[in-house]
Amino acid sequence: MSTDDARTSTDQLAFVNPVERFPEISPPKQHQEEPGVQKEMTPTPDIGEYSYRGTGRLEGRKALITGGDSGIGAATAVAFAREGADVAITYLAPEERDAEKVARIITECGRRAVTIAGDLIDPAFCTEAVERAANELGGLDILVNNAGKQVATQSLSEIGDEQLEETFHANILAMFRTTRAALKHLPAGATVINTTSIQAYQPSPTLLDYASTKAAINNFSKGLAQQLAPQGIRVNAVAPGPVWTPIQPSEGQPQEKLPKFGQDTPLGRAAQPTEMAPAFVFLASPESSYVIGETMNVNGGKPTP
């Protein structure tokens, strides 16, 4: 695999040693301004363009994925399209190039792609994104609340009110607002999947605000799951461990930690975004019809509650 472009062609269903499925990465120190652009990362994260083939598990479904331009959101969008779903993604304006690539892949799968630029920190955009996705896709039956903000700081005194408020607005308040707006569109059988994190259980001292929002997402997911289950709408969450995404070099990790990022997992390496996608596919598909209020940990073997 090139260090400049992740092009693994190993089928996601191939029987392989998970330690060796993707190489251990040692990213060089690098920095981008928020929100970060995947195309400019070294090495480029793998979103499954060349490896995820799908088995038709989401045929005819209509999904909205927030933060679907890169990283976990992009990998989930690719997987959903390969599984037969039409997909709308939200993204921030600086991420236009990444969003265009994801839309191209979705379209090449023969599915409809809708790209929606805007900032979920804006309450009005949360509703606007849902309405546009539902209108352009002809309905909505999968919502993936994935967009997030992560900024590493060395001490609580360094977390200013602006960062604190933006992190909570982007990570948890937007999730309330987007889900609330989506409810009038979601039929029985629909699914809501929220991206939380291992940080909800094992908070890093440099990510106090981010980790707090991820714990809140766990609680939100489990409570909402009980509320919506009688309506036939399932709510679950995915808790990734260390995944090589644009969040990491764009303030999400101290630069000096990047060369060993993810190497403390039992598998000895960070995950690639495409390794997260099957968890979202499972929770979106009818195969998980009795899975409600669950947090699926995809973290390379790190113990969780």
C-alpha atoms as a PDB file:
ATOM      1  CA  MET A   1       0.000   0.000   0.000  1.00  0.00           C
ATOM      2  CA  SER A   2       1.317   3.407  -0.898  1.00  0.00           C
ATOM      3  CA  THR A   3       1.936   5.826   1.931  1.00  0.00           C
ATOM      4  CA  ASP A   4       0.282   8.464  -0.239  1.00  0.00           C
ATOM      5  CA  ASP A   5      -2.932   6.654  -1.106  1.00  0.00           C
ATOM      6  CA  ALA A   6      -4.638   3.811   0.762  1.00  0.00           C
ATOM      7  CA  ARG A   7      -5.602   1.306  -1.920  1.00  0.00           C
ATOM      8  CA  THR A   8      -5.998  -2.012  -0.157  1.00  0.00           C
ATOM      9  CA  SER A   9      -7.906  -4.458  -2.316  1.00  0.00           C
ATOM     10  CA  THR A  10      -8.333  -7.059   0.429  1.00  0.00           C
ATOM     11  CA  ASP A  11     -12.019  -7.953   0.360  1.00  0.00           C
ATOM     12  CA  GLN A  12     -13.686  -7.033   3.644  1.00  0.00           C
ATOM     13  CA  LEU A  13     -14.967 -10.624   3.934  1.00  0.00           C
ATOM     14  CA  ALA A  14     -11.605 -12.282   3.272  1.00  0.00           C
ATOM     15  CA  PHE A  15     -10.226 -14.537   6.009  1.00  0.00           C
ATOM     16  CA  VAL A  16      -7.080 -12.721   7.173  1.00  0.00           C
ATOM     17  CA  ASN A  17      -5.024 -12.142  10.286  1.00  0.00           C
ATOM     18  CA  PRO A  18      -6.475  -8.892  11.722  1.00  0.00           C
ATOM     19  CA  VAL A  19      -3.046  -7.873  12.995  1.00  0.00           C
ATOM     20  CA  GLU A  20      -1.830  -7.820   9.387  1.00  0.00           C
ATOM     21  CA  ARG A  21      -4.935  -6.814   7.481  1.00  0.00           C
ATOM     22  CA  PHE A  22      -3.673  -3.227   7.471  1.00  0.00           C
ATOM     23  CA  PRO A  23      -0.093  -2.202   8.169  1.00  0.00           C
ATOM     24  CA  GLU A  24       0.892  -0.605  11.433  1.00  0.00           C
ATOM     25  CA  ILE A  25       1.161   3.093  10.652  1.00  0.00           C
ATOM     26  CA  SER A  26       3.627   5.587  12.090  1.00  0.00           C
ATOM     27  CA  PRO A  27       2.263   8.883  10.819  1.00  0.00           C
ATOM     28  CA  PRO A  28       4.838  11.659  10.706  1.00  0.00           C
ATOM     29  CA  LYS A  29       4.191  14.782  12.718  1.00  0.00           C
ATOM     30  CA  GLN A  30       1.740  16.829  10.682  1.00  0.00           C
ATOM     31  CA  HIS A  31      -0.743  19.585  11.287  1.00  0.00           C
ATOM     32  CA  GLN A  32      -3.841  20.847   9.554  1.00  0.00           C
ATOM     33  CA  GLU A  33      -6.269  23.551  10.529  1.00  0.00           C
ATOM     34  CA  GLU A  34      -9.668  22.285  11.623  1.00  0.00           C
ATOM     35  CA  PRO A  35     -11.623  20.488  10.313  1.00  0.00           C
ATOM     36  CA  GLY A  36      -8.854  18.751   8.371  1.00  0.00           C
ATOM     37  CA  VAL A  37      -8.857  17.332   4.854  1.00  0.00           C
ATOM     38  CA  GLN A  38      -8.396  13.618   4.301  1.00  0.00           C
ATOM     39  CA  LYS A  39      -6.710  14.068   0.935  1.00  0.00           C
ATOM     40  CA  GLU A  40      -3.837  15.942   2.600  1.00  0.00           C
ATOM     41  CA  MET A  41      -3.088  13.342   5.286  1.00  0.00           C
ATOM     42  CA  THR A  42       0.011  11.126   5.368  1.00  0.00           C
ATOM     43  CA  PRO A  43      -0.750   8.264   5.024  1.00  0.00           C
ATOM     44  CA  THR A  44      -4.185   8.619   3.424  1.00  0.00           C
ATOM     45  CA  PRO A  45      -6.910   6.859   5.438  1.00  0.00           C
ATOM     46  CA  ASP A  46      -8.587   3.875   3.794  1.00  0.00           C
ATOM     47  CA  ILE A  47     -12.354   4.326   3.438  1.00  0.00           C
ATOM     48  CA  GLY A  48     -12.933   1.029   1.632  1.00  0.00           C
ATOM     49  CA  GLU A  49     -13.110   2.305  -1.927  1.00  0.00           C
ATOM     50  CA  TYR A  50     -11.167  -0.696  -3.210  1.00  0.00           C
ATOM     51  CA  SER A  51     -12.152  -3.355  -0.663  1.00  0.00           C
ATOM     52  CA  TYR A  52     -15.755  -3.022   0.499  1.00  0.00           C
ATOM     53  CA  ARG A  53     -18.006  -4.930  -1.888  1.00  0.00           C
ATOM     54  CA  GLY A  54     -21.240  -5.375   0.080  1.00  0.00           C
ATOM     55  CA  THR A  55     -23.877  -8.094   0.020  1.00  0.00           C
ATOM     56  CA  GLY A  56     -27.115  -6.171  -0.593  1.00  0.00           C
ATOM     57  CA  ARG A  57     -28.111  -5.825   3.057  1.00  0.00           C
ATOM     58  CA  LEU A  58     -29.385  -2.234   2.691  1.00  0.00           C
ATOM     59  CA  GLU A  59     -31.037  -2.512  -0.705  1.00  0.00           C
ATOM     60  CA  GLY A  60     -33.410   0.393  -1.296  1.00  0.00           C
ATOM     61  CA  ARG A  61     -32.657   2.147   1.999  1.00  0.00           C
ATOM     62  CA  LYS A  62     -32.160   5.912   2.347  1.00  0.00           C
ATOM     63  CA  ALA A  63     -29.498   7.203   4.735  1.00  0.00           C
ATOM     64  CA  LEU A  64     -28.250  10.514   6.082  1.00  0.00           C
ATOM     65  CA  ILE A  65     -24.709  10.495   7.499  1.00  0.00           C
ATOM     66  CA  THR A  66     -23.421  13.615   9.230  1.00  0.00           C
ATOM     67  CA  GLY A  67     -19.722  14.201   8.716  1.00  0.00           C
ATOM     68  CA  GLY A  68     -19.815  11.797   5.788  1.00  0.00           C
ATOM     69  CA  ASP A  69     -17.026  13.403   3.792  1.00  0.00           C
ATOM     70  CA  SER A  70     -14.058  11.674   5.439  1.00  0.00           C
ATOM     71  CA  GLY A  71     -12.956   9.179   8.048  1.00  0.00           C
ATOM     72  CA  ILE A  72     -15.573   6.956   9.648  1.00  0.00           C
ATOM     73  CA  GLY A  73     -18.459   8.826   8.042  1.00  0.00           C
ATOM     74  CA  ALA A  74     -16.998   8.441   4.560  1.00  0.00           C
ATOM     75  CA  ALA A  75     -16.270   4.745   5.071  1.00  0.00           C
ATOM     76  CA  THR A  76     -19.835   4.234   6.283  1.00  0.00           C
ATOM     77  CA  ALA A  77     -21.197   6.091   3.250  1.00  0.00           C
ATOM     78  CA  VAL A  78     -19.167   3.887   0.902  1.00  0.00           C
ATOM     79  CA  ALA A  79     -20.304   0.733   2.686  1.00  0.00           C
ATOM     80  CA  PHE A  80     -23.962   1.779   2.703  1.00  0.00           C
ATOM     81  CA  ALA A  81     -23.839   2.497  -1.028  1.00  0.00           C
ATOM     82  CA  ARG A  82     -22.166  -0.841  -1.748  1.00  0.00           C
ATOM     83  CA  GLU A  83     -24.925  -2.478   0.323  1.00  0.00           C
ATOM     84  CA  GLY A  84     -27.579  -0.837  -1.884  1.00  0.00           C
ATOM     85  CA  ALA A  85     -28.536   2.379  -0.059  1.00  0.00           C
ATOM     86  CA  ASP A  86     -28.900   5.911  -1.375  1.00  0.00           C
ATOM     87  CA  VAL A  87     -26.839   8.233   0.806  1.00  0.00           C
ATOM     88  CA  ALA A  88     -26.832  11.894   1.808  1.00  0.00           C
ATOM     89  CA  ILE A  89     -23.828  13.313   3.649  1.00  0.00           C
ATOM     90  CA  THR A  90     -23.214  16.567   5.480  1.00  0.00           C
ATOM     91  CA  TYR A  91     -19.831  18.253   5.549  1.00  0.00           C
ATOM     92  CA  LEU A  92     -18.132  21.553   6.299  1.00  0.00           C
ATOM     93  CA  ALA A  93     -17.255  23.840   3.382  1.00  0.00           C
ATOM     94  CA  PRO A  94     -13.453  23.291   3.629  1.00  0.00           C
ATOM     95  CA  GLU A  95     -14.086  19.553   3.179  1.00  0.00           C
ATOM     96  CA  GLU A  96     -15.585  19.968  -0.298  1.00  0.00           C
ATOM     97  CA  ARG A  97     -12.939  17.854  -2.086  1.00  0.00           C
ATOM     98  CA  ASP A  98     -13.380  14.952   0.284  1.00  0.00           C
ATOM     99  CA  ALA A  99     -17.166  15.162  -0.030  1.00  0.00           C
ATOM    100  CA  GLU A 100     -16.954  15.141  -3.831  1.00  0.00           C
ATOM    101  CA  LYS A 101     -14.877  11.956  -3.736  1.00  0.00           C
ATOM    102  CA  VAL A 102     -17.389  10.185  -1.507  1.00  0.00           C
ATOM    103  CA  ALA A 103     -20.254  11.300  -3.744  1.00  0.00           C
ATOM    104  CA  ARG A 104     -18.395   9.952  -6.769  1.00  0.00           C
ATOM    105  CA  ILE A 105     -17.961   6.544  -5.149  1.00  0.00           C
ATOM    106  CA  ILE A 106     -21.638   6.415  -4.147  1.00  0.00           C
ATOM    107  CA  THR A 107     -22.713   7.311  -7.680  1.00  0.00           C
ATOM    108  CA  GLU A 108     -20.369   4.717  -9.180  1.00  0.00           C
ATOM    109  CA  CYS A 109     -22.183   2.143  -7.044  1.00  0.00           C
ATOM    110  CA  GLY A 110     -25.358   3.054  -8.916  1.00  0.00           C
ATOM    111  CA  ARG A 111     -26.860   4.820  -5.914  1.00  0.00           C
ATOM    112  CA  ARG A 112     -28.037   8.377  -5.404  1.00  0.00           C
ATOM    113  CA  ALA A 113     -25.631  10.738  -3.620  1.00  0.00           C
ATOM    114  CA  VAL A 114     -26.652  13.998  -1.948  1.00  0.00           C
ATOM    115  CA  THR A 115     -24.022  16.364  -0.545  1.00  0.00           C
ATOM    116  CA  ILE A 116     -25.087  18.991   1.991  1.00  0.00           C
ATOM    117  CA  ALA A 117     -22.604  21.658   3.095  1.00  0.00           C
ATOM    118  CA  GLY A 118     -23.110  23.382   6.419  1.00  0.00           C
ATOM    119  CA  ASP A 119     -22.183  23.513  10.081  1.00  0.00           C
ATOM    120  CA  LEU A 120     -24.170  21.444  12.557  1.00  0.00           C
ATOM    121  CA  ILE A 121     -23.230  23.899  15.290  1.00  0.00           C
ATOM    122  CA  ASP A 122     -25.989  26.020  13.707  1.00  0.00           C
ATOM    123  CA  PRO A 123     -29.314  24.676  15.070  1.00  0.00           C
ATOM    124  CA  ALA A 124     -31.143  25.672  11.885  1.00  0.00           C
ATOM    125  CA  PHE A 125     -28.763  23.629   9.725  1.00  0.00           C
ATOM    126  CA  CYS A 126     -29.552  20.456  11.684  1.00  0.00           C
ATOM    127  CA  THR A 127     -33.166  20.694  10.538  1.00  0.00           C
ATOM    128  CA  GLU A 128     -32.236  21.918   7.065  1.00  0.00           C
ATOM    129  CA  ALA A 129     -29.920  18.955   6.483  1.00  0.00           C
ATOM    130  CA  VAL A 130     -32.574  16.436   7.467  1.00  0.00           C
ATOM    131  CA  GLU A 131     -35.258  18.051   5.317  1.00  0.00           C
ATOM    132  CA  ARG A 132     -33.010  18.263   2.278  1.00  0.00           C
ATOM    133  CA  ALA A 133     -31.856  14.655   2.664  1.00  0.00           C
ATOM    134  CA  ALA A 134     -35.421  13.378   2.999  1.00  0.00           C
ATOM    135  CA  ASN A 135     -36.641  15.458   0.057  1.00  0.00           C
ATOM    136  CA  GLU A 136     -33.820  14.554  -2.323  1.00  0.00           C
ATOM    137  CA  LEU A 137     -33.668  10.884  -1.361  1.00  0.00           C
ATOM    138  CA  GLY A 138     -37.431  10.466  -1.348  1.00  0.00           C
ATOM    139  CA  GLY A 139     -37.529   9.542   2.331  1.00  0.00           C
ATOM    140  CA  LEU A 140     -35.245   8.656   5.205  1.00  0.00           C
ATOM    141  CA  ASP A 141     -34.881   5.419   7.164  1.00  0.00           C
ATOM    142  CA  ILE A 142     -31.274   5.486   8.422  1.00  0.00           C
ATOM    143  CA  LEU A 143     -29.719   8.338  10.384  1.00  0.00           C
ATOM    144  CA  VAL A 144     -26.044   8.188  11.322  1.00  0.00           C
ATOM    145  CA  ASN A 145     -25.031  10.953  13.722  1.00  0.00           C
ATOM    146  CA  ASN A 146     -21.295  10.889  13.149  1.00  0.00           C
ATOM    147  CA  ALA A 147     -19.944  14.450  12.837  1.00  0.00           C
ATOM    148  CA  GLY A 148     -17.755  15.569  15.706  1.00  0.00           C
ATOM    149  CA  LYS A 149     -15.192  18.030  17.019  1.00  0.00           C
ATOM    150  CA  GLN A 150     -12.060  17.025  18.948  1.00  0.00           C
ATOM    151  CA  VAL A 151      -9.325  19.378  20.134  1.00  0.00           C
ATOM    152  CA  ALA A 152      -6.519  18.175  22.401  1.00  0.00           C
ATOM    153  CA  THR A 153      -5.433  20.432  25.262  1.00  0.00           C
ATOM    154  CA  GLN A 154      -2.913  19.894  28.035  1.00  0.00           C
ATOM    155  CA  SER A 155      -5.023  21.233  30.906  1.00  0.00           C
ATOM    156  CA  LEU A 156      -8.539  22.261  31.821  1.00  0.00           C
ATOM    157  CA  SER A 157      -7.381  25.883  32.050  1.00  0.00           C
ATOM    158  CA  GLU A 158      -6.624  25.797  28.306  1.00  0.00           C
ATOM    159  CA  ILE A 159     -10.185  24.878  27.354  1.00  0.00           C
ATOM    160  CA  GLY A 160     -11.810  28.225  26.638  1.00  0.00           C
ATOM    161  CA  ASP A 161     -15.545  28.780  26.530  1.00  0.00           C
ATOM    162  CA  GLU A 162     -15.559  28.932  22.711  1.00  0.00           C
ATOM    163  CA  GLN A 163     -13.947  25.500  22.346  1.00  0.00           C
ATOM    164  CA  LEU A 164     -16.065  24.035  25.133  1.00  0.00           C
ATOM    165  CA  GLU A 165     -19.328  25.278  23.673  1.00  0.00           C
ATOM    166  CA  GLU A 166     -18.464  24.344  20.090  1.00  0.00           C
ATOM    167  CA  THR A 167     -17.482  20.807  21.141  1.00  0.00           C
ATOM    168  CA  PHE A 168     -20.757  20.277  22.969  1.00  0.00           C
ATOM    169  CA  HIS A 169     -22.794  21.898  20.203  1.00  0.00           C
ATOM    170  CA  ALA A 170     -21.155  19.784  17.472  1.00  0.00           C
ATOM    171  CA  ASN A 171     -20.983  16.474  19.305  1.00  0.00           C
ATOM    172  CA  ILE A 172     -24.128  16.160  21.389  1.00  0.00           C
ATOM    173  CA  LEU A 173     -26.504  19.112  20.939  1.00  0.00           C
ATOM    174  CA  ALA A 174     -26.474  18.671  17.155  1.00  0.00           C
ATOM    175  CA  MET A 175     -27.280  14.995  17.709  1.00  0.00           C
ATOM    176  CA  PHE A 176     -30.400  15.928  19.712  1.00  0.00           C
ATOM    177  CA  ARG A 177     -31.470  18.438  17.070  1.00  0.00           C
ATOM    178  CA  THR A 178     -30.786  16.297  14.003  1.00  0.00           C
ATOM    179  CA  THR A 179     -32.496  13.254  15.473  1.00  0.00           C
ATOM    180  CA  ARG A 180     -35.469  15.337  16.591  1.00  0.00           C
ATOM    181  CA  ALA A 181     -35.852  16.699  13.067  1.00  0.00           C
ATOM    182  CA  ALA A 182     -35.544  13.225  11.561  1.00  0.00           C
ATOM    183  CA  LEU A 183     -38.250  11.622  13.691  1.00  0.00           C
ATOM    184  CA  LYS A 184     -41.108  12.804  11.492  1.00  0.00           C
ATOM    185  CA  HIS A 185     -39.487  11.034   8.535  1.00  0.00           C
ATOM    186  CA  LEU A 186     -38.361   7.766  10.155  1.00  0.00           C
ATOM    187  CA  PRO A 187     -40.824   4.891   9.668  1.00  0.00           C
ATOM    188  CA  ALA A 188     -41.095   1.734  11.727  1.00  0.00           C
ATOM    189  CA  GLY A 189     -38.017  -0.340  10.884  1.00  0.00           C
ATOM    190  CA  ALA A 190     -35.772   2.715  10.689  1.00  0.00           C
ATOM    191  CA  THR A 191     -32.505   2.978  12.578  1.00  0.00           C
ATOM    192  CA  VAL A 192     -30.505   5.705  14.296  1.00  0.00           C
ATOM    193  CA  ILE A 193     -26.791   5.057  14.859  1.00  0.00           C
ATOM    194  CA  ASN A 194     -24.673   7.443  16.913  1.00  0.00           C
ATOM    195  CA  THR A 195     -20.888   7.595  16.888  1.00  0.00           C
ATOM    196  CA  THR A 196     -19.514   7.641  20.414  1.00  0.00           C
ATOM    197  CA  SER A 197     -15.946   6.621  21.360  1.00  0.00           C
ATOM    198  CA  ILE A 198     -13.733   4.585  23.633  1.00  0.00           C
ATOM    199  CA  GLN A 199     -13.160   8.008  25.207  1.00  0.00           C
ATOM    200  CA  ALA A 200     -16.569   7.606  26.847  1.00  0.00           C
ATOM    201  CA  TYR A 201     -15.044   4.839  29.010  1.00  0.00           C
ATOM    202  CA  GLN A 202     -11.322   5.613  28.999  1.00  0.00           C
ATOM    203  CA  PRO A 203     -11.038   9.410  28.807  1.00  0.00           C
ATOM    204  CA  SER A 204      -7.656  10.822  27.858  1.00  0.00           C
ATOM    205  CA  PRO A 205      -6.541  13.695  30.084  1.00  0.00           C
ATOM    206  CA  THR A 206      -5.974  15.791  26.957  1.00  0.00           C
ATOM    207  CA  LEU A 207      -9.574  15.317  25.716  1.00  0.00           C
ATOM    208  CA  LEU A 208     -11.743  16.295  28.675  1.00  0.00           C
ATOM    209  CA  ASP A 209     -14.444  18.129  26.746  1.00  0.00           C
ATOM    210  CA  TYR A 210     -14.536  15.652  23.855  1.00  0.00           C
ATOM    211  CA  ALA A 211     -14.643  12.616  26.151  1.00  0.00           C
ATOM    212  CA  SER A 212     -17.460  14.170  28.176  1.00  0.00           C
ATOM    213  CA  THR A 213     -19.589  14.557  25.045  1.00  0.00           C
ATOM    214  CA  LYS A 214     -18.941  10.962  24.062  1.00  0.00           C
ATOM    215  CA  ALA A 215     -20.153   9.737  27.446  1.00  0.00           C
ATOM    216  CA  ALA A 216     -23.251  11.887  26.938  1.00  0.00           C
ATOM    217  CA  ILE A 217     -23.811  10.265  23.533  1.00  0.00           C
ATOM    218  CA  ASN A 218     -23.807   6.821  25.148  1.00  0.00           C
ATOM    219  CA  ASN A 219     -26.447   7.944  27.629  1.00  0.00           C
ATOM    220  CA  PHE A 220     -28.518   9.689  24.950  1.00  0.00           C
ATOM    221  CA  SER A 221     -28.435   6.581  22.764  1.00  0.00           C
ATOM    222  CA  LYS A 222     -29.562   4.205  25.484  1.00  0.00           C
ATOM    223  CA  GLY A 223     -32.335   6.482  26.713  1.00  0.00           C
ATOM    224  CA  LEU A 224     -33.652   7.299  23.241  1.00  0.00           C
ATOM    225  CA  ALA A 225     -33.524   3.608  22.316  1.00  0.00           C
ATOM    226  CA  GLN A 226     -36.029   2.831  25.054  1.00  0.00           C
ATOM    227  CA  GLN A 227     -38.235   5.740  24.041  1.00  0.00           C
ATOM    228  CA  LEU A 228     -38.398   4.812  20.343  1.00  0.00           C
ATOM    229  CA  ALA A 229     -38.401   1.006  20.541  1.00  0.00           C
ATOM    230  CA  PRO A 230     -42.227   0.768  20.831  1.00  0.00           C
ATOM    231  CA  GLN A 231     -42.436   2.697  17.538  1.00  0.00           C
ATOM    232  CA  GLY A 232     -40.193   0.137  15.830  1.00  0.00           C
ATOM    233  CA  ILE A 233     -37.276   2.561  15.499  1.00  0.00           C
ATOM    234  CA  ARG A 234     -33.978   1.164  16.757  1.00  0.00           C
ATOM    235  CA  VAL A 235     -31.243   3.324  18.271  1.00  0.00           C
ATOM    236  CA  ASN A 236     -27.699   2.084  18.833  1.00  0.00           C
ATOM    237  CA  ALA A 237     -24.163   3.447  18.987  1.00  0.00           C
ATOM    238  CA  VAL A 238     -20.694   2.563  17.738  1.00  0.00           C
ATOM    239  CA  ALA A 239     -17.678   3.293  19.942  1.00  0.00           C
ATOM    240  CA  PRO A 240     -14.480   3.372  17.864  1.00  0.00           C
ATOM    241  CA  GLY A 241     -11.031   3.118  19.350  1.00  0.00           C
ATOM    242  CA  PRO A 242      -8.065   4.855  17.691  1.00  0.00           C
ATOM    243  CA  VAL A 243      -8.901   5.393  14.015  1.00  0.00           C
ATOM    244  CA  TRP A 244      -6.731   7.259  11.511  1.00  0.00           C
ATOM    245  CA  THR A 245      -9.004  10.126  10.427  1.00  0.00           C
ATOM    246  CA  PRO A 246      -8.608  13.869   9.723  1.00  0.00           C
ATOM    247  CA  ILE A 247      -9.523  14.643  13.334  1.00  0.00           C
ATOM    248  CA  GLN A 248      -6.122  13.372  14.486  1.00  0.00           C
ATOM    249  CA  PRO A 249      -3.756  15.784  12.660  1.00  0.00           C
ATOM    250  CA  SER A 250      -6.172  18.740  12.883  1.00  0.00           C
ATOM    251  CA  GLU A 251      -5.808  19.465  16.614  1.00  0.00           C
ATOM    252  CA  GLY A 252      -7.278  16.116  17.752  1.00  0.00           C
ATOM    253  CA  GLN A 253      -3.943  14.735  18.961  1.00  0.00           C
ATOM    254  CA  PRO A 254      -0.680  16.356  20.044  1.00  0.00           C
ATOM    255  CA  GLN A 255       1.633  16.107  17.012  1.00  0.00           C
ATOM    256  CA  GLU A 256       4.317  14.304  19.000  1.00  0.00           C
ATOM    257  CA  LYS A 257       1.888  11.436  19.657  1.00  0.00           C
ATOM    258  CA  LEU A 258       1.015  10.805  16.005  1.00  0.00           C
ATOM    259  CA  PRO A 259       3.947   8.449  15.155  1.00  0.00           C
ATOM    260  CA  LYS A 260       2.716   5.914  17.738  1.00  0.00           C
ATOM    261  CA  PHE A 261      -0.990   6.546  17.287  1.00  0.00           C
ATOM    262  CA  GLY A 262      -3.006   3.389  17.985  1.00  0.00           C
ATOM    263  CA  GLN A 263      -0.014   1.172  18.655  1.00  0.00           C
ATOM    264  CA  ASP A 264      -1.106   0.592  22.259  1.00  0.00           C
ATOM    265  CA  THR A 265      -4.050  -1.589  21.194  1.00  0.00           C
ATOM    266  CA  PRO A 266      -3.815  -5.392  21.488  1.00  0.00           C
ATOM    267  CA  LEU A 267      -3.722  -5.521  17.679  1.00  0.00           C
ATOM    268  CA  GLY A 268      -0.761  -3.158  17.793  1.00  0.00           C
ATOM    269  CA  ARG A 269      -2.072  -0.681  15.250  1.00  0.00           C
ATOM    270  CA  ALA A 270      -4.627   2.039  14.639  1.00  0.00           C
ATOM    271  CA  ALA A 271      -7.761   1.152  12.704  1.00  0.00           C
ATOM    272  CA  GLN A 272      -8.527   2.323   9.203  1.00  0.00           C
ATOM    273  CA  PRO A 273     -11.961   3.952   8.770  1.00  0.00           C
ATOM    274  CA  THR A 274     -13.207   1.110   6.584  1.00  0.00           C
ATOM    275  CA  GLU A 275     -12.851  -1.253   9.552  1.00  0.00           C
ATOM    276  CA  MET A 276     -15.577   0.706  11.353  1.00  0.00           C
ATOM    277  CA  ALA A 277     -18.094   0.508   8.513  1.00  0.00           C
ATOM    278  CA  PRO A 278     -19.306  -3.097   9.039  1.00  0.00           C
ATOM    279  CA  ALA A 279     -20.512  -2.214  12.549  1.00  0.00           C
ATOM    280  CA  PHE A 280     -22.696   0.560  11.124  1.00  0.00           C
ATOM    281  CA  VAL A 281     -23.961  -1.737   8.356  1.00  0.00           C
ATOM    282  CA  PHE A 282     -24.915  -4.412  10.886  1.00  0.00           C
ATOM    283  CA  LEU A 283     -26.773  -1.957  13.112  1.00  0.00           C
ATOM    284  CA  ALA A 284     -28.567  -0.442  10.097  1.00  0.00           C
ATOM    285  CA  SER A 285     -29.624  -3.780   8.626  1.00  0.00           C
ATOM    286  CA  PRO A 286     -32.585  -5.974   9.610  1.00  0.00           C
ATOM    287  CA  GLU A 287     -30.067  -8.563  10.854  1.00  0.00           C
ATOM    288  CA  SER A 288     -29.821  -6.552  14.071  1.00  0.00           C
ATOM    289  CA  SER A 289     -33.592  -6.327  14.609  1.00  0.00           C
ATOM    290  CA  TYR A 290     -33.282  -7.336  18.292  1.00  0.00           C
ATOM    291  CA  VAL A 291     -30.305  -5.083  19.006  1.00  0.00           C
ATOM    292  CA  ILE A 292     -31.515  -1.902  20.710  1.00  0.00           C
ATOM    293  CA  GLY A 293     -29.677   0.519  22.991  1.00  0.00           C
ATOM    294  CA  GLU A 294     -26.361  -1.234  22.388  1.00  0.00           C
ATOM    295  CA  THR A 295     -22.929   0.367  22.178  1.00  0.00           C
ATOM    296  CA  MET A 296     -20.787  -1.679  19.830  1.00  0.00           C
ATOM    297  CA  ASN A 297     -17.121  -1.257  20.691  1.00  0.00           C
ATOM    298  CA  VAL A 298     -14.778  -1.454  17.696  1.00  0.00           C
ATOM    299  CA  ASN A 299     -11.443  -0.692  19.286  1.00  0.00           C
ATOM    300  CA  GLY A 300      -8.818  -3.309  18.488  1.00  0.00           C
ATOM    301  CA  GLY A 301      -9.233  -5.156  21.778  1.00  0.00           C
ATOM    302  CA  LYS A 302      -9.144  -2.417  24.420  1.00  0.00           C
ATOM    303  CA  PRO A 303     -11.269  -3.503  27.422  1.00  0.00           C
ATOM    304  CA  THR A 304     -14.550  -1.662  27.908  1.00  0.00           C
ATOM    305  CA  PRO A 305     -17.449  -2.002  30.394  1.00  0.00           C
END
